């Protein structure tokens, strides 16, 4: 009986902890600034829209994010990147293995 109870408690604890872990979708929401010589900011919203500002020009777009890939459409051009996002950092790596690192602003 004690073994079964221990397994149930351990299972509930694992479910509770996994529910508390933020998803990539919730982590990406907000404003990000690229760590590059060119000032680039990206802002992602909950409704799937995004803003990209570079060289003082801002364009609107949309995005879709799953656990490991970001699909971003701006000016009728769609790009896909591997994504790694934490609370403070966002890394996007394209098919040519070029990585852009962003910091939360």
C-alpha atoms as a PDB file:
ATOM      1  CA  UNK A   1       0.000   0.000   0.000  1.00  0.00           C
ATOM      2  CA  UNK A   2       2.820   2.430   0.892  1.00  0.00           C
ATOM      3  CA  UNK A   3       4.566   1.709  -2.418  1.00  0.00           C
ATOM      4  CA  UNK A   4       1.404   2.517  -4.408  1.00  0.00           C
ATOM      5  CA  UNK A   5       0.869   5.710  -2.445  1.00  0.00           C
ATOM      6  CA  UNK A   6       4.495   6.730  -3.035  1.00  0.00           C
ATOM      7  CA  UNK A   7       4.117   6.141  -6.778  1.00  0.00           C
ATOM      8  CA  UNK A   8       0.906   8.191  -6.903  1.00  0.00           C
ATOM      9  CA  UNK A   9       2.521  11.058  -4.968  1.00  0.00           C
ATOM     10  CA  UNK A  10       5.609  10.975  -7.226  1.00  0.00           C
ATOM     11  CA  UNK A  11       3.413  10.996 -10.343  1.00  0.00           C
ATOM     12  CA  UNK A  12       1.353  13.942  -9.068  1.00  0.00           C
ATOM     13  CA  UNK A  13       4.512  15.855  -8.211  1.00  0.00           C
ATOM     14  CA  UNK A  14       5.944  15.273 -11.694  1.00  0.00           C
ATOM     15  CA  UNK A  15       2.717  16.504 -13.313  1.00  0.00           C
ATOM     16  CA  UNK A  16       2.627  19.557 -11.058  1.00  0.00           C
ATOM     17  CA  UNK A  17       6.232  20.511 -11.868  1.00  0.00           C
ATOM     18  CA  UNK A  18       5.765  20.044 -15.600  1.00  0.00           C
ATOM     19  CA  UNK A  19       2.644  22.243 -15.515  1.00  0.00           C
ATOM     20  CA  UNK A  20       4.655  25.035 -13.843  1.00  0.00           C
ATOM     21  CA  UNK A  21       7.372  25.032 -16.511  1.00  0.00           C
ATOM     22  CA  UNK A  22       6.772  27.871 -18.991  1.00  0.00           C
ATOM     23  CA  UNK A  23       6.212  26.782 -22.583  1.00  0.00           C
ATOM     24  CA  UNK A  24       8.265  28.216 -25.462  1.00  0.00           C
ATOM     25  CA  UNK A  25       5.047  29.931 -26.630  1.00  0.00           C
ATOM     26  CA  UNK A  26       4.713  31.848 -23.357  1.00  0.00           C
ATOM     27  CA  UNK A  27       8.448  32.562 -23.081  1.00  0.00           C
ATOM     28  CA  UNK A  28       8.732  34.199 -26.511  1.00  0.00           C
ATOM     29  CA  UNK A  29       6.059  36.823 -25.783  1.00  0.00           C
ATOM     30  CA  UNK A  30       7.646  40.247 -25.330  1.00  0.00           C
ATOM     31  CA  UNK A  31      10.308  42.500 -26.785  1.00  0.00           C
ATOM     32  CA  UNK A  32      13.776  41.229 -27.761  1.00  0.00           C
ATOM     33  CA  UNK A  33      16.938  43.027 -28.921  1.00  0.00           C
ATOM     34  CA  UNK A  34      19.565  41.325 -31.094  1.00  0.00           C
ATOM     35  CA  UNK A  35      23.139  41.077 -29.859  1.00  0.00           C
ATOM     36  CA  UNK A  36      24.670  42.463 -33.059  1.00  0.00           C
ATOM     37  CA  UNK A  37      26.241  45.601 -34.469  1.00  0.00           C
ATOM     38  CA  UNK A  38      22.949  46.360 -36.237  1.00  0.00           C
ATOM     39  CA  UNK A  39      20.125  47.399 -33.926  1.00  0.00           C
ATOM     40  CA  UNK A  40      17.341  44.877 -34.465  1.00  0.00           C
ATOM     41  CA  UNK A  41      14.340  44.409 -32.205  1.00  0.00           C
ATOM     42  CA  UNK A  42      11.639  41.799 -32.441  1.00  0.00           C
ATOM     43  CA  UNK A  43       8.393  41.846 -30.523  1.00  0.00           C
ATOM     44  CA  UNK A  44       6.082  38.847 -30.252  1.00  0.00           C
ATOM     45  CA  UNK A  45       2.441  39.044 -29.139  1.00  0.00           C
ATOM     46  CA  UNK A  46       0.079  36.395 -27.737  1.00  0.00           C
ATOM     47  CA  UNK A  47      -2.222  36.624 -30.768  1.00  0.00           C
ATOM     48  CA  UNK A  48       0.461  35.306 -33.175  1.00  0.00           C
ATOM     49  CA  UNK A  49       1.472  38.703 -34.559  1.00  0.00           C
ATOM     50  CA  UNK A  50       4.970  40.152 -34.428  1.00  0.00           C
ATOM     51  CA  UNK A  51       6.888  43.338 -35.147  1.00  0.00           C
ATOM     52  CA  UNK A  52      10.431  43.525 -36.476  1.00  0.00           C
ATOM     53  CA  UNK A  53      12.364  46.809 -36.371  1.00  0.00           C
ATOM     54  CA  UNK A  54      15.656  47.206 -38.209  1.00  0.00           C
ATOM     55  CA  UNK A  55      17.410  50.355 -39.465  1.00  0.00           C
ATOM     56  CA  UNK A  56      14.549  52.388 -37.982  1.00  0.00           C
ATOM     57  CA  UNK A  57      11.954  50.624 -40.153  1.00  0.00           C
ATOM     58  CA  UNK A  58       9.202  48.542 -38.545  1.00  0.00           C
ATOM     59  CA  UNK A  59       7.333  45.767 -40.317  1.00  0.00           C
ATOM     60  CA  UNK A  60       4.394  43.734 -39.052  1.00  0.00           C
ATOM     61  CA  UNK A  61       4.137  39.988 -39.437  1.00  0.00           C
ATOM     62  CA  UNK A  62       2.843  36.757 -37.998  1.00  0.00           C
ATOM     63  CA  UNK A  63       4.527  33.790 -36.375  1.00  0.00           C
ATOM     64  CA  UNK A  64       3.888  30.193 -35.385  1.00  0.00           C
ATOM     65  CA  UNK A  65       5.965  28.482 -32.742  1.00  0.00           C
ATOM     66  CA  UNK A  66       6.206  24.869 -31.738  1.00  0.00           C
ATOM     67  CA  UNK A  67       8.704  23.447 -29.268  1.00  0.00           C
ATOM     68  CA  UNK A  68      11.716  23.715 -31.573  1.00  0.00           C
ATOM     69  CA  UNK A  69      10.798  25.750 -34.674  1.00  0.00           C
ATOM     70  CA  UNK A  70       9.692  29.316 -35.339  1.00  0.00           C
ATOM     71  CA  UNK A  71       7.898  30.053 -38.613  1.00  0.00           C
ATOM     72  CA  UNK A  72       7.850  33.794 -39.230  1.00  0.00           C
ATOM     73  CA  UNK A  73       6.055  35.605 -42.069  1.00  0.00           C
ATOM     74  CA  UNK A  74       6.937  39.240 -42.804  1.00  0.00           C
ATOM     75  CA  UNK A  75       6.102  41.067 -46.063  1.00  0.00           C
ATOM     76  CA  UNK A  76       4.746  37.833 -47.602  1.00  0.00           C
ATOM     77  CA  UNK A  77       8.088  36.087 -46.991  1.00  0.00           C
ATOM     78  CA  UNK A  78       8.138  33.079 -44.656  1.00  0.00           C
ATOM     79  CA  UNK A  79      11.262  31.869 -42.904  1.00  0.00           C
ATOM     80  CA  UNK A  80      11.768  28.975 -40.518  1.00  0.00           C
ATOM     81  CA  UNK A  81      14.346  28.813 -37.768  1.00  0.00           C
ATOM     82  CA  UNK A  82      15.257  26.454 -34.987  1.00  0.00           C
ATOM     83  CA  UNK A  83      14.417  28.191 -31.746  1.00  0.00           C
ATOM     84  CA  UNK A  84      15.818  28.054 -28.253  1.00  0.00           C
ATOM     85  CA  UNK A  85      14.089  30.395 -25.825  1.00  0.00           C
ATOM     86  CA  UNK A  86      14.503  31.021 -22.103  1.00  0.00           C
ATOM     87  CA  UNK A  87      13.201  33.804 -19.899  1.00  0.00           C
ATOM     88  CA  UNK A  88      16.120  36.070 -20.869  1.00  0.00           C
ATOM     89  CA  UNK A  89      17.538  34.744 -24.168  1.00  0.00           C
ATOM     90  CA  UNK A  90      16.209  33.867 -27.611  1.00  0.00           C
ATOM     91  CA  UNK A  91      18.329  32.091 -30.227  1.00  0.00           C
ATOM     92  CA  UNK A  92      17.184  31.630 -33.815  1.00  0.00           C
ATOM     93  CA  UNK A  93      19.201  29.395 -36.139  1.00  0.00           C
ATOM     94  CA  UNK A  94      18.356  29.261 -39.855  1.00  0.00           C
ATOM     95  CA  UNK A  95      18.882  26.441 -42.375  1.00  0.00           C
ATOM     96  CA  UNK A  96      22.357  27.805 -43.220  1.00  0.00           C
ATOM     97  CA  UNK A  97      23.291  27.368 -39.532  1.00  0.00           C
ATOM     98  CA  UNK A  98      23.468  31.139 -38.882  1.00  0.00           C
ATOM     99  CA  UNK A  99      22.382  32.063 -35.363  1.00  0.00           C
ATOM    100  CA  UNK A 100      20.966  35.354 -34.136  1.00  0.00           C
ATOM    101  CA  UNK A 101      20.941  35.819 -30.380  1.00  0.00           C
ATOM    102  CA  UNK A 102      18.465  38.139 -28.697  1.00  0.00           C
ATOM    103  CA  UNK A 103      18.209  39.395 -25.140  1.00  0.00           C
ATOM    104  CA  UNK A 104      14.899  40.281 -23.511  1.00  0.00           C
ATOM    105  CA  UNK A 105      14.443  44.010 -23.444  1.00  0.00           C
END
